[in-house]
Amino acid sequence: MKLAKWWQALENQKIQCNLCPKNCIMNKDQSGFCKVRKNIDGKLYSMVYGKPVALNIDPIEKKPLYHFYPGTKIFSIGTLGCNFACKFCQNYDISQKDFVSINLRDVSPQEVIESAIANRCQSIAFTYNEPTVFGEYVFDIAKIAQQRGMKTVMVTNGFINRKPLDEIYHYIDAVNVDIKSFSEEFYRNICSGELGPVLKSIKRLNELGVFIEITNLIIPGINDNPVSIYELLHWIEMEMGYDIPLHFSAFHPDYKMRDVAPTKKEALDAIYKIAREMGFKYIYEGNVMAGTHDNTYCPRCGKLLIERNYFSILNNSLKTDRCDICGEKINIVL
């Protein structure tokens, strides 16, 4: 464990965590909503600092990031804990688990960097569970990564307060934010969270110049209402424009929503069409056999720039961030 950042002492050995908008107040020996930040003798500690439960080498497309160093390997790391409790979570076995240190060996930030380098990874992803809850670990790893010339990525729900966001993301290069729905009711009832702070975080990340891609998991009959989709797309259009890569992913029954049917590709195709008609340039389907809706095309001349099959790149014709046929600037980092 490690003494946490982003908290304040209250009376009678109570403390308040200021990491995310839940702003949990904890009595002595009590943990916050995320289960991995704990009041010990009137001080807040991160119980998962240096204790990852998942260390893997992934294609960066799996995050999903399609426009940030496509075709490269990324060293992925996750711990226990989450500041949401999504009923559809596919990683609930780690995100919703109470902290236990049994058989969790210590892995220092320097060891994470060395492992990534040894495995020829160009970047490090904080993923699997919600990386905000192990923000101190992220901060220390990302700071060293920047010094070593490595890139860093957050795969996040975006539920974080302004001060820790500014401090952590100072060292983060790219982010995929999962907007669960454009409905506060959905966030409250399905995720035990709030939409408003997520939207504020995305706007701030955009101001800071962090490379952003957005994912929206489509759950049949729950968050697939066309009006809600239009509202989400309109907000993105107004706040960030048409260049942002969008990922609409299929739901598969899991955790507390095993009785909900999986998303059909036809539903994603309909959303793809809506986004295309609104003018968005880079739209992708996830968790299905996406076919051509997995590829990147030049938004001006229509040339196939990157051909994909799931997380594999079959062909990438981009040598720079411009189409070699018409010269259109592509929102991509190579």
C-alpha atoms as a PDB file:
ATOM      1  CA  MET A   1       0.000   0.000   0.000  1.00  0.00           C
ATOM      2  CA  LYS A   2       0.985   3.620  -0.438  1.00  0.00           C
ATOM      3  CA  LEU A   3      -0.098   6.893   1.104  1.00  0.00           C
ATOM      4  CA  ALA A   4      -2.613   8.322  -1.345  1.00  0.00           C
ATOM      5  CA  LYS A   5      -2.742  11.684  -3.047  1.00  0.00           C
ATOM      6  CA  TRP A   6      -5.950  13.698  -3.414  1.00  0.00           C
ATOM      7  CA  TRP A   7      -7.596  13.506   0.008  1.00  0.00           C
ATOM      8  CA  GLN A   8      -8.190  15.605   3.093  1.00  0.00           C
ATOM      9  CA  ALA A   9      -8.385  14.894   6.808  1.00  0.00           C
ATOM     10  CA  LEU A  10     -11.642  15.508   8.657  1.00  0.00           C
ATOM     11  CA  GLU A  11     -12.494  15.408  12.358  1.00  0.00           C
ATOM     12  CA  ASN A  12     -12.358  12.226  14.470  1.00  0.00           C
ATOM     13  CA  GLN A  13      -9.928  10.498  12.089  1.00  0.00           C
ATOM     14  CA  LYS A  14     -12.401  10.658   9.226  1.00  0.00           C
ATOM     15  CA  ILE A  15     -11.015  11.442   5.777  1.00  0.00           C
ATOM     16  CA  GLN A  16     -12.478  12.464   2.437  1.00  0.00           C
ATOM     17  CA  CYS A  17     -11.115  11.100  -0.825  1.00  0.00           C
ATOM     18  CA  ASN A  18     -11.011  13.778  -3.535  1.00  0.00           C
ATOM     19  CA  LEU A  19      -9.965  11.565  -6.429  1.00  0.00           C
ATOM     20  CA  CYS A  20     -13.356  11.151  -8.118  1.00  0.00           C
ATOM     21  CA  PRO A  21     -16.756  12.865  -7.880  1.00  0.00           C
ATOM     22  CA  LYS A  22     -18.009  10.342  -5.331  1.00  0.00           C
ATOM     23  CA  ASN A  23     -15.796  12.193  -2.811  1.00  0.00           C
ATOM     24  CA  CYS A  24     -16.132   9.298  -0.359  1.00  0.00           C
ATOM     25  CA  ILE A  25     -16.000  10.120   3.346  1.00  0.00           C
ATOM     26  CA  MET A  26     -14.464   7.235   5.296  1.00  0.00           C
ATOM     27  CA  ASN A  27     -14.278   6.440   8.963  1.00  0.00           C
ATOM     28  CA  LYS A  28     -11.183   4.775  10.352  1.00  0.00           C
ATOM     29  CA  ASP A  29     -10.603   1.321   8.787  1.00  0.00           C
ATOM     30  CA  GLN A  30     -13.255   1.974   6.142  1.00  0.00           C
ATOM     31  CA  SER A  31     -12.750   1.752   2.372  1.00  0.00           C
ATOM     32  CA  GLY A  32     -14.326   3.945  -0.273  1.00  0.00           C
ATOM     33  CA  PHE A  33     -16.824   2.915  -2.936  1.00  0.00           C
ATOM     34  CA  CYS A  34     -13.978   1.578  -5.101  1.00  0.00           C
ATOM     35  CA  LYS A  35     -12.958  -0.854  -2.324  1.00  0.00           C
ATOM     36  CA  VAL A  36      -9.238  -0.169  -2.840  1.00  0.00           C
ATOM     37  CA  ARG A  37      -8.701   3.205  -1.119  1.00  0.00           C
ATOM     38  CA  LYS A  38      -8.803   2.918   2.666  1.00  0.00           C
ATOM     39  CA  ASN A  39      -8.688   5.070   5.781  1.00  0.00           C
ATOM     40  CA  ILE A  40      -5.929   3.694   7.991  1.00  0.00           C
ATOM     41  CA  ASP A  41      -5.396   5.634  11.230  1.00  0.00           C
ATOM     42  CA  GLY A  42      -6.825   8.818   9.744  1.00  0.00           C
ATOM     43  CA  LYS A  43      -4.823   8.725   6.497  1.00  0.00           C
ATOM     44  CA  LEU A  44      -5.890   7.560   3.036  1.00  0.00           C
ATOM     45  CA  TYR A  45      -3.929   4.733   1.446  1.00  0.00           C
ATOM     46  CA  SER A  46      -4.025   3.173  -1.992  1.00  0.00           C
ATOM     47  CA  MET A  47      -4.181  -0.548  -1.293  1.00  0.00           C
ATOM     48  CA  VAL A  48      -3.447  -1.529  -4.910  1.00  0.00           C
ATOM     49  CA  TYR A  49      -0.343   0.572  -5.534  1.00  0.00           C
ATOM     50  CA  GLY A  50       2.230  -1.758  -7.080  1.00  0.00           C
ATOM     51  CA  LYS A  51      -0.154  -4.720  -6.967  1.00  0.00           C
ATOM     52  CA  PRO A  52      -1.466  -5.395 -10.477  1.00  0.00           C
ATOM     53  CA  VAL A  53      -3.722  -8.380 -11.076  1.00  0.00           C
ATOM     54  CA  ALA A  54      -3.374  -8.209 -14.870  1.00  0.00           C
ATOM     55  CA  LEU A  55      -0.251  -7.664 -16.964  1.00  0.00           C
ATOM     56  CA  ASN A  56      -0.573  -8.419 -20.671  1.00  0.00           C
ATOM     57  CA  ILE A  57       0.774  -7.540 -24.088  1.00  0.00           C
ATOM     58  CA  ASP A  58      -2.044  -6.456 -26.399  1.00  0.00           C
ATOM     59  CA  PRO A  59      -2.474  -4.941 -29.834  1.00  0.00           C
ATOM     60  CA  ILE A  60      -3.274  -1.286 -29.256  1.00  0.00           C
ATOM     61  CA  GLU A  61      -6.458  -1.760 -31.296  1.00  0.00           C
ATOM     62  CA  LYS A  62      -7.857  -3.835 -28.424  1.00  0.00           C
ATOM     63  CA  LYS A  63      -8.137  -0.809 -26.110  1.00  0.00           C
ATOM     64  CA  PRO A  64      -9.777   0.238 -28.544  1.00  0.00           C
ATOM     65  CA  LEU A  65      -7.456   2.839 -30.056  1.00  0.00           C
ATOM     66  CA  TYR A  66      -7.515   2.846 -33.858  1.00  0.00           C
ATOM     67  CA  HIS A  67      -5.840   6.198 -34.487  1.00  0.00           C
ATOM     68  CA  PHE A  68      -2.953   6.161 -32.016  1.00  0.00           C
ATOM     69  CA  TYR A  69       0.124   4.269 -33.218  1.00  0.00           C
ATOM     70  CA  PRO A  70      -1.953   1.674 -35.112  1.00  0.00           C
ATOM     71  CA  GLY A  71      -0.460  -1.782 -35.419  1.00  0.00           C
ATOM     72  CA  THR A  72       1.795  -1.468 -32.367  1.00  0.00           C
ATOM     73  CA  LYS A  73       1.957  -3.517 -29.181  1.00  0.00           C
ATOM     74  CA  ILE A  74       0.896  -2.034 -25.864  1.00  0.00           C
ATOM     75  CA  PHE A  75       1.768  -3.237 -22.363  1.00  0.00           C
ATOM     76  CA  SER A  76      -1.520  -3.395 -20.444  1.00  0.00           C
ATOM     77  CA  ILE A  77      -1.877  -3.198 -16.681  1.00  0.00           C
ATOM     78  CA  GLY A  78      -4.843  -3.329 -14.305  1.00  0.00           C
ATOM     79  CA  THR A  79      -5.590  -3.755 -10.608  1.00  0.00           C
ATOM     80  CA  LEU A  80      -8.631  -4.459  -8.469  1.00  0.00           C
ATOM     81  CA  GLY A  81     -11.316  -1.815  -7.951  1.00  0.00           C
ATOM     82  CA  CYS A  82     -13.622   0.609  -9.749  1.00  0.00           C
ATOM     83  CA  ASN A  83     -15.515   3.790  -8.908  1.00  0.00           C
ATOM     84  CA  PHE A  84     -18.519   2.514 -10.897  1.00  0.00           C
ATOM     85  CA  ALA A  85     -20.528  -0.674 -10.441  1.00  0.00           C
ATOM     86  CA  CYS A  86     -21.808  -1.296 -13.970  1.00  0.00           C
ATOM     87  CA  LYS A  87     -24.296  -4.160 -14.071  1.00  0.00           C
ATOM     88  CA  PHE A  88     -22.901  -5.250 -17.446  1.00  0.00           C
ATOM     89  CA  CYS A  89     -19.198  -5.197 -16.508  1.00  0.00           C
ATOM     90  CA  GLN A  90     -17.145  -7.839 -18.303  1.00  0.00           C
ATOM     91  CA  ASN A  91     -14.254  -7.491 -15.855  1.00  0.00           C
ATOM     92  CA  TYR A  92     -16.393  -7.621 -12.705  1.00  0.00           C
ATOM     93  CA  ASP A  93     -14.179 -10.338 -11.234  1.00  0.00           C
ATOM     94  CA  ILE A  94     -11.505  -7.707 -10.657  1.00  0.00           C
ATOM     95  CA  SER A  95     -13.404  -4.412 -10.760  1.00  0.00           C
ATOM     96  CA  GLN A  96     -15.974  -5.362  -8.118  1.00  0.00           C
ATOM     97  CA  LYS A  97     -13.771  -7.467  -5.890  1.00  0.00           C
ATOM     98  CA  ASP A  98     -12.838  -6.454  -2.350  1.00  0.00           C
ATOM     99  CA  PHE A  99      -9.146  -5.826  -1.945  1.00  0.00           C
ATOM    100  CA  VAL A 100      -7.076  -8.829  -0.919  1.00  0.00           C
ATOM    101  CA  SER A 101      -3.297  -8.901  -1.026  1.00  0.00           C
ATOM    102  CA  ILE A 102      -2.970 -12.689  -1.078  1.00  0.00           C
ATOM    103  CA  ASN A 103      -0.639 -13.785  -3.863  1.00  0.00           C
ATOM    104  CA  LEU A 104      -0.341 -10.266  -5.275  1.00  0.00           C
ATOM    105  CA  ARG A 105       3.349  -9.665  -5.772  1.00  0.00           C
ATOM    106  CA  ASP A 106       4.729  -6.151  -5.795  1.00  0.00           C
ATOM    107  CA  VAL A 107       5.552  -4.699  -9.222  1.00  0.00           C
ATOM    108  CA  SER A 108       7.251  -1.326  -9.014  1.00  0.00           C
ATOM    109  CA  PRO A 109       6.679   1.414 -11.607  1.00  0.00           C
ATOM    110  CA  GLN A 110      10.238   0.868 -12.846  1.00  0.00           C
ATOM    111  CA  GLU A 111       9.552  -2.867 -13.309  1.00  0.00           C
ATOM    112  CA  VAL A 112       6.464  -2.069 -15.380  1.00  0.00           C
ATOM    113  CA  ILE A 113       8.550   0.145 -17.663  1.00  0.00           C
ATOM    114  CA  GLU A 114      11.317  -2.433 -18.017  1.00  0.00           C
ATOM    115  CA  SER A 115       8.804  -5.195 -18.805  1.00  0.00           C
ATOM    116  CA  ALA A 116       7.192  -3.049 -21.489  1.00  0.00           C
ATOM    117  CA  ILE A 117      10.566  -2.300 -23.059  1.00  0.00           C
ATOM    118  CA  ALA A 118      11.669  -5.935 -22.874  1.00  0.00           C
ATOM    119  CA  ASN A 119       8.508  -6.948 -24.733  1.00  0.00           C
ATOM    120  CA  ARG A 120       9.045  -4.315 -27.432  1.00  0.00           C
ATOM    121  CA  CYS A 121       5.948  -2.324 -26.529  1.00  0.00           C
ATOM    122  CA  GLN A 122       5.851   1.316 -27.586  1.00  0.00           C
ATOM    123  CA  SER A 123       3.279   2.265 -24.990  1.00  0.00           C
ATOM    124  CA  ILE A 124       1.626   1.341 -21.696  1.00  0.00           C
ATOM    125  CA  ALA A 125      -2.135   1.101 -21.133  1.00  0.00           C
ATOM    126  CA  PHE A 126      -3.880   1.481 -17.801  1.00  0.00           C
ATOM    127  CA  THR A 127      -6.940  -0.647 -18.391  1.00  0.00           C
ATOM    128  CA  TYR A 128      -9.104  -3.692 -17.478  1.00  0.00           C
ATOM    129  CA  ASN A 129     -10.482  -2.076 -14.316  1.00  0.00           C
ATOM    130  CA  GLU A 130     -10.923   1.681 -13.868  1.00  0.00           C
ATOM    131  CA  PRO A 131      -7.392   3.162 -13.763  1.00  0.00           C
ATOM    132  CA  THR A 132      -8.531   6.278 -11.916  1.00  0.00           C
ATOM    133  CA  VAL A 133      -8.762   4.246  -8.691  1.00  0.00           C
ATOM    134  CA  PHE A 134      -5.048   3.401  -8.888  1.00  0.00           C
ATOM    135  CA  GLY A 135      -4.165   6.940  -9.896  1.00  0.00           C
ATOM    136  CA  GLU A 136      -0.993   7.146  -7.773  1.00  0.00           C
ATOM    137  CA  TYR A 137       0.410   4.054  -9.506  1.00  0.00           C
ATOM    138  CA  VAL A 138      -0.579   5.462 -12.919  1.00  0.00           C
ATOM    139  CA  PHE A 139       1.050   8.787 -12.071  1.00  0.00           C
ATOM    140  CA  ASP A 140       4.390   7.256 -11.086  1.00  0.00           C
ATOM    141  CA  ILE A 141       4.516   4.832 -14.025  1.00  0.00           C
ATOM    142  CA  ALA A 142       3.512   7.440 -16.589  1.00  0.00           C
ATOM    143  CA  LYS A 143       6.063   9.947 -15.287  1.00  0.00           C
ATOM    144  CA  ILE A 144       8.890   7.449 -15.783  1.00  0.00           C
ATOM    145  CA  ALA A 145       7.464   6.385 -19.143  1.00  0.00           C
ATOM    146  CA  GLN A 146       7.605   9.959 -20.383  1.00  0.00           C
ATOM    147  CA  GLN A 147      11.234  10.207 -19.298  1.00  0.00           C
ATOM    148  CA  ARG A 148      11.993   6.989 -21.201  1.00  0.00           C
ATOM    149  CA  GLY A 149      10.219   8.126 -24.379  1.00  0.00           C
ATOM    150  CA  MET A 150       7.277   5.731 -24.032  1.00  0.00           C
ATOM    151  CA  LYS A 151       3.652   6.657 -24.634  1.00  0.00           C
ATOM    152  CA  THR A 152       0.871   6.088 -22.094  1.00  0.00           C
ATOM    153  CA  VAL A 153      -2.831   5.394 -22.524  1.00  0.00           C
ATOM    154  CA  MET A 154      -5.825   5.491 -20.167  1.00  0.00           C
ATOM    155  CA  VAL A 155      -8.905   3.358 -20.867  1.00  0.00           C
ATOM    156  CA  THR A 156     -11.386   4.995 -18.562  1.00  0.00           C
ATOM    157  CA  ASN A 157     -14.945   5.874 -17.601  1.00  0.00           C
ATOM    158  CA  GLY A 158     -13.824   9.506 -17.240  1.00  0.00           C
ATOM    159  CA  PHE A 159     -15.203   9.807 -13.694  1.00  0.00           C
ATOM    160  CA  ILE A 160     -12.470  11.865 -12.058  1.00  0.00           C
ATOM    161  CA  ASN A 161     -12.152  15.227 -10.319  1.00  0.00           C
ATOM    162  CA  ARG A 162     -10.408  18.170 -11.990  1.00  0.00           C
ATOM    163  CA  LYS A 163      -7.244  18.384  -9.858  1.00  0.00           C
ATOM    164  CA  PRO A 164      -6.212  14.719 -10.116  1.00  0.00           C
ATOM    165  CA  LEU A 165      -7.190  14.757 -13.802  1.00  0.00           C
ATOM    166  CA  ASP A 166      -4.816  17.630 -14.486  1.00  0.00           C
ATOM    167  CA  GLU A 167      -1.997  16.009 -12.522  1.00  0.00           C
ATOM    168  CA  ILE A 168      -2.348  12.470 -13.886  1.00  0.00           C
ATOM    169  CA  TYR A 169      -3.068  13.376 -17.508  1.00  0.00           C
ATOM    170  CA  HIS A 170      -0.061  15.689 -17.629  1.00  0.00           C
ATOM    171  CA  TYR A 171       1.806  12.435 -18.303  1.00  0.00           C
ATOM    172  CA  ILE A 172      -0.838  10.659 -20.419  1.00  0.00           C
ATOM    173  CA  ASP A 173      -0.712  10.773 -24.218  1.00  0.00           C
ATOM    174  CA  ALA A 174      -4.001   9.176 -25.280  1.00  0.00           C
ATOM    175  CA  VAL A 175      -7.308   8.112 -23.792  1.00  0.00           C
ATOM    176  CA  ASN A 176     -10.325   6.066 -24.729  1.00  0.00           C
ATOM    177  CA  VAL A 177     -13.292   7.299 -22.703  1.00  0.00           C
ATOM    178  CA  ASP A 178     -16.287   5.009 -22.403  1.00  0.00           C
ATOM    179  CA  ILE A 179     -19.456   7.094 -22.447  1.00  0.00           C
ATOM    180  CA  LYS A 180     -21.902   4.523 -21.123  1.00  0.00           C
ATOM    181  CA  SER A 181     -25.014   6.375 -22.305  1.00  0.00           C
ATOM    182  CA  PHE A 182     -26.224   9.931 -22.740  1.00  0.00           C
ATOM    183  CA  SER A 183     -28.659   9.477 -19.857  1.00  0.00           C
ATOM    184  CA  GLU A 184     -28.194  10.430 -16.212  1.00  0.00           C
ATOM    185  CA  GLU A 185     -30.816   7.841 -15.294  1.00  0.00           C
ATOM    186  CA  PHE A 186     -28.781   5.118 -16.993  1.00  0.00           C
ATOM    187  CA  TYR A 187     -25.644   6.205 -15.129  1.00  0.00           C
ATOM    188  CA  ARG A 188     -27.458   6.205 -11.776  1.00  0.00           C
ATOM    189  CA  ASN A 189     -29.376   2.952 -12.167  1.00  0.00           C
ATOM    190  CA  ILE A 190     -26.997   0.848 -14.251  1.00  0.00           C
ATOM    191  CA  CYS A 191     -23.557   2.181 -13.336  1.00  0.00           C
ATOM    192  CA  SER A 192     -23.921   3.821  -9.898  1.00  0.00           C
ATOM    193  CA  GLY A 193     -22.369   6.910 -11.427  1.00  0.00           C
ATOM    194  CA  GLU A 194     -23.089  10.268 -13.063  1.00  0.00           C
ATOM    195  CA  LEU A 195     -22.869  11.467 -16.657  1.00  0.00           C
ATOM    196  CA  GLY A 196     -22.178  15.152 -15.976  1.00  0.00           C
ATOM    197  CA  PRO A 197     -18.677  14.754 -14.505  1.00  0.00           C
ATOM    198  CA  VAL A 198     -17.712  12.426 -17.370  1.00  0.00           C
ATOM    199  CA  LEU A 199     -18.615  15.053 -19.952  1.00  0.00           C
ATOM    200  CA  LYS A 200     -16.655  17.674 -17.989  1.00  0.00           C
ATOM    201  CA  SER A 201     -13.627  15.368 -17.965  1.00  0.00           C
ATOM    202  CA  ILE A 202     -13.781  14.831 -21.724  1.00  0.00           C
ATOM    203  CA  LYS A 203     -13.948  18.576 -22.336  1.00  0.00           C
ATOM    204  CA  ARG A 204     -10.941  19.104 -20.055  1.00  0.00           C
ATOM    205  CA  LEU A 205      -8.949  16.320 -21.729  1.00  0.00           C
ATOM    206  CA  ASN A 206      -9.641  17.955 -25.062  1.00  0.00           C
ATOM    207  CA  GLU A 207      -8.399  21.288 -23.688  1.00  0.00           C
ATOM    208  CA  LEU A 208      -5.217  19.598 -22.450  1.00  0.00           C
ATOM    209  CA  GLY A 209      -4.500  18.155 -25.898  1.00  0.00           C
ATOM    210  CA  VAL A 210      -4.724  14.489 -24.886  1.00  0.00           C
ATOM    211  CA  PHE A 211      -5.526  12.334 -27.930  1.00  0.00           C
ATOM    212  CA  ILE A 212      -9.124  11.123 -27.481  1.00  0.00           C
ATOM    213  CA  GLU A 213     -11.190   8.267 -28.837  1.00  0.00           C
ATOM    214  CA  ILE A 214     -14.679   7.522 -27.512  1.00  0.00           C
ATOM    215  CA  THR A 215     -16.495   4.217 -27.005  1.00  0.00           C
ATOM    216  CA  ASN A 216     -20.213   3.653 -26.489  1.00  0.00           C
ATOM    217  CA  LEU A 217     -21.399   0.141 -25.594  1.00  0.00           C
ATOM    218  CA  ILE A 218     -24.826  -0.438 -27.138  1.00  0.00           C
ATOM    219  CA  ILE A 219     -27.214  -2.474 -24.941  1.00  0.00           C
ATOM    220  CA  PRO A 220     -30.452  -3.540 -26.663  1.00  0.00           C
ATOM    221  CA  GLY A 221     -33.560  -1.907 -25.227  1.00  0.00           C
ATOM    222  CA  ILE A 222     -31.577  -0.003 -22.588  1.00  0.00           C
ATOM    223  CA  ASN A 223     -29.297   2.639 -24.137  1.00  0.00           C
ATOM    224  CA  ASP A 224     -29.909   2.187 -27.869  1.00  0.00           C
ATOM    225  CA  ASN A 225     -32.712   4.711 -28.220  1.00  0.00           C
ATOM    226  CA  PRO A 226     -32.067   6.739 -31.418  1.00  0.00           C
ATOM    227  CA  VAL A 227     -32.880   9.995 -29.594  1.00  0.00           C
ATOM    228  CA  SER A 228     -30.185   9.260 -26.997  1.00  0.00           C
ATOM    229  CA  ILE A 229     -27.704   8.357 -29.748  1.00  0.00           C
ATOM    230  CA  TYR A 230     -28.442  11.635 -31.549  1.00  0.00           C
ATOM    231  CA  GLU A 231     -27.981  13.563 -28.288  1.00  0.00           C
ATOM    232  CA  LEU A 232     -24.618  11.884 -27.667  1.00  0.00           C
ATOM    233  CA  LEU A 233     -23.417  12.552 -31.197  1.00  0.00           C
ATOM    234  CA  HIS A 234     -24.648  16.135 -31.104  1.00  0.00           C
ATOM    235  CA  TRP A 235     -22.721  16.757 -27.875  1.00  0.00           C
ATOM    236  CA  ILE A 236     -19.536  15.310 -29.393  1.00  0.00           C
ATOM    237  CA  GLU A 237     -20.098  17.369 -32.546  1.00  0.00           C
ATOM    238  CA  MET A 238     -20.482  20.593 -30.547  1.00  0.00           C
ATOM    239  CA  GLU A 239     -17.604  19.979 -28.133  1.00  0.00           C
ATOM    240  CA  MET A 240     -15.007  18.249 -30.303  1.00  0.00           C
ATOM    241  CA  GLY A 241     -16.077  18.248 -33.925  1.00  0.00           C
ATOM    242  CA  TYR A 242     -16.315  15.469 -36.467  1.00  0.00           C
ATOM    243  CA  ASP A 243     -12.713  14.199 -36.396  1.00  0.00           C
ATOM    244  CA  ILE A 244     -12.882  12.201 -33.168  1.00  0.00           C
ATOM    245  CA  PRO A 245     -12.763   8.407 -33.654  1.00  0.00           C
ATOM    246  CA  LEU A 246     -15.980   6.782 -32.391  1.00  0.00           C
ATOM    247  CA  HIS A 247     -16.391   3.140 -31.384  1.00  0.00           C
ATOM    248  CA  PHE A 248     -19.863   1.631 -31.051  1.00  0.00           C
ATOM    249  CA  SER A 249     -19.506  -1.775 -29.439  1.00  0.00           C
ATOM    250  CA  ALA A 250     -21.833  -4.737 -29.119  1.00  0.00           C
ATOM    251  CA  PHE A 251     -23.024  -5.829 -25.687  1.00  0.00           C
ATOM    252  CA  HIS A 252     -22.617  -9.431 -24.578  1.00  0.00           C
ATOM    253  CA  PRO A 253     -24.605 -10.691 -21.547  1.00  0.00           C
ATOM    254  CA  ASP A 254     -22.487 -10.701 -18.379  1.00  0.00           C
ATOM    255  CA  TYR A 255     -22.427 -10.048 -14.628  1.00  0.00           C
ATOM    256  CA  LYS A 256     -25.880  -8.817 -13.538  1.00  0.00           C
ATOM    257  CA  MET A 257     -27.294  -8.469 -17.056  1.00  0.00           C
ATOM    258  CA  ARG A 258     -27.121 -12.017 -18.330  1.00  0.00           C
ATOM    259  CA  ASP A 259     -30.807 -11.952 -19.238  1.00  0.00           C
ATOM    260  CA  VAL A 260     -30.367  -9.156 -21.804  1.00  0.00           C
ATOM    261  CA  ALA A 261     -29.932 -10.194 -25.430  1.00  0.00           C
ATOM    262  CA  PRO A 262     -26.622  -9.488 -27.179  1.00  0.00           C
ATOM    263  CA  THR A 263     -26.455  -6.574 -29.599  1.00  0.00           C
ATOM    264  CA  LYS A 264     -27.126  -7.434 -33.229  1.00  0.00           C
ATOM    265  CA  LYS A 265     -24.819  -6.105 -35.898  1.00  0.00           C
ATOM    266  CA  GLU A 266     -27.809  -4.521 -37.628  1.00  0.00           C
ATOM    267  CA  ALA A 267     -28.237  -2.241 -34.599  1.00  0.00           C
ATOM    268  CA  LEU A 268     -24.632  -1.078 -34.856  1.00  0.00           C
ATOM    269  CA  ASP A 269     -25.034  -0.614 -38.604  1.00  0.00           C
ATOM    270  CA  ALA A 270     -27.996   1.707 -37.972  1.00  0.00           C
ATOM    271  CA  ILE A 271     -25.949   3.799 -35.520  1.00  0.00           C
ATOM    272  CA  TYR A 272     -23.015   3.814 -37.936  1.00  0.00           C
ATOM    273  CA  LYS A 273     -25.352   5.250 -40.581  1.00  0.00           C
ATOM    274  CA  ILE A 274     -26.644   7.944 -38.223  1.00  0.00           C
ATOM    275  CA  ALA A 275     -23.109   9.040 -37.318  1.00  0.00           C
ATOM    276  CA  ARG A 276     -22.023   9.010 -40.960  1.00  0.00           C
ATOM    277  CA  GLU A 277     -25.009  11.106 -42.032  1.00  0.00           C
ATOM    278  CA  MET A 278     -24.231  13.607 -39.266  1.00  0.00           C
ATOM    279  CA  GLY A 279     -20.742  14.044 -40.718  1.00  0.00           C
ATOM    280  CA  PHE A 280     -18.487  12.041 -38.392  1.00  0.00           C
ATOM    281  CA  LYS A 281     -15.392  10.878 -40.230  1.00  0.00           C
ATOM    282  CA  TYR A 282     -14.128   7.876 -38.293  1.00  0.00           C
ATOM    283  CA  ILE A 283     -16.747   5.424 -37.020  1.00  0.00           C
ATOM    284  CA  TYR A 284     -16.104   1.848 -35.959  1.00  0.00           C
ATOM    285  CA  GLU A 285     -18.054  -1.170 -34.763  1.00  0.00           C
ATOM    286  CA  GLY A 286     -16.676  -3.348 -31.980  1.00  0.00           C
ATOM    287  CA  ASN A 287     -17.262  -6.826 -30.528  1.00  0.00           C
ATOM    288  CA  VAL A 288     -18.768  -8.035 -33.824  1.00  0.00           C
ATOM    289  CA  MET A 289     -17.573  -9.134 -37.243  1.00  0.00           C
ATOM    290  CA  ALA A 290     -17.548  -5.519 -38.372  1.00  0.00           C
ATOM    291  CA  GLY A 291     -16.520  -6.064 -41.983  1.00  0.00           C
ATOM    292  CA  THR A 292     -15.821  -2.753 -43.696  1.00  0.00           C
ATOM    293  CA  HIS A 293     -16.972  -0.886 -40.573  1.00  0.00           C
ATOM    294  CA  ASP A 294     -13.673  -1.828 -38.948  1.00  0.00           C
ATOM    295  CA  ASN A 295     -11.590   0.018 -41.535  1.00  0.00           C
ATOM    296  CA  THR A 296     -10.299   3.576 -41.757  1.00  0.00           C
ATOM    297  CA  TYR A 297     -11.136   5.494 -44.933  1.00  0.00           C
ATOM    298  CA  CYS A 298     -10.137   8.927 -46.139  1.00  0.00           C
ATOM    299  CA  PRO A 299     -13.133  11.139 -45.319  1.00  0.00           C
ATOM    300  CA  ARG A 300     -12.604  13.193 -48.495  1.00  0.00           C
ATOM    301  CA  CYS A 301     -11.820  10.760 -51.325  1.00  0.00           C
ATOM    302  CA  GLY A 302     -12.872   7.487 -49.684  1.00  0.00           C
ATOM    303  CA  LYS A 303      -9.563   5.671 -50.127  1.00  0.00           C
ATOM    304  CA  LEU A 304      -9.078   2.655 -47.852  1.00  0.00           C
ATOM    305  CA  LEU A 305      -6.254   3.762 -45.547  1.00  0.00           C
ATOM    306  CA  ILE A 306      -6.170   1.037 -42.878  1.00  0.00           C
ATOM    307  CA  GLU A 307      -7.758  -2.384 -43.341  1.00  0.00           C
ATOM    308  CA  ARG A 308      -8.468  -4.354 -40.165  1.00  0.00           C
ATOM    309  CA  ASN A 309      -9.732  -7.737 -39.094  1.00  0.00           C
ATOM    310  CA  TYR A 310     -10.726  -7.489 -35.440  1.00  0.00           C
ATOM    311  CA  PHE A 311      -7.534  -6.309 -33.726  1.00  0.00           C
ATOM    312  CA  SER A 312      -5.185  -7.130 -36.597  1.00  0.00           C
ATOM    313  CA  ILE A 313      -4.119  -4.677 -39.277  1.00  0.00           C
ATOM    314  CA  LEU A 314      -4.090  -6.283 -42.697  1.00  0.00           C
ATOM    315  CA  ASN A 315      -2.866  -3.216 -44.557  1.00  0.00           C
ATOM    316  CA  ASN A 316      -1.861   0.316 -43.618  1.00  0.00           C
ATOM    317  CA  SER A 317      -1.078   2.680 -46.485  1.00  0.00           C
ATOM    318  CA  LEU A 318      -0.503   5.734 -44.290  1.00  0.00           C
ATOM    319  CA  LYS A 319       3.076   6.959 -44.147  1.00  0.00           C
ATOM    320  CA  THR A 320       2.107  10.368 -42.745  1.00  0.00           C
ATOM    321  CA  ASP A 321      -1.071  11.838 -41.309  1.00  0.00           C
ATOM    322  CA  ARG A 322      -2.302  12.767 -44.796  1.00  0.00           C
ATOM    323  CA  CYS A 323      -4.058  10.732 -47.463  1.00  0.00           C
ATOM    324  CA  ASP A 324      -1.565   9.995 -50.224  1.00  0.00           C
ATOM    325  CA  ILE A 325      -4.275  10.395 -52.874  1.00  0.00           C
ATOM    326  CA  CYS A 326      -5.995  13.695 -52.020  1.00  0.00           C
ATOM    327  CA  GLY A 327      -3.857  15.110 -49.195  1.00  0.00           C
ATOM    328  CA  GLU A 328      -6.674  15.168 -46.632  1.00  0.00           C
ATOM    329  CA  LYS A 329      -5.335  15.498 -43.070  1.00  0.00           C
ATOM    330  CA  ILE A 330      -6.219  12.427 -41.015  1.00  0.00           C
ATOM    331  CA  ASN A 331      -6.721  12.655 -37.249  1.00  0.00           C
ATOM    332  CA  ILE A 332      -4.145   9.997 -36.445  1.00  0.00           C
ATOM    333  CA  VAL A 333      -0.847   9.609 -34.575  1.00  0.00           C
ATOM    334  CA  LEU A 334       1.699   7.370 -36.317  1.00  0.00           C
END
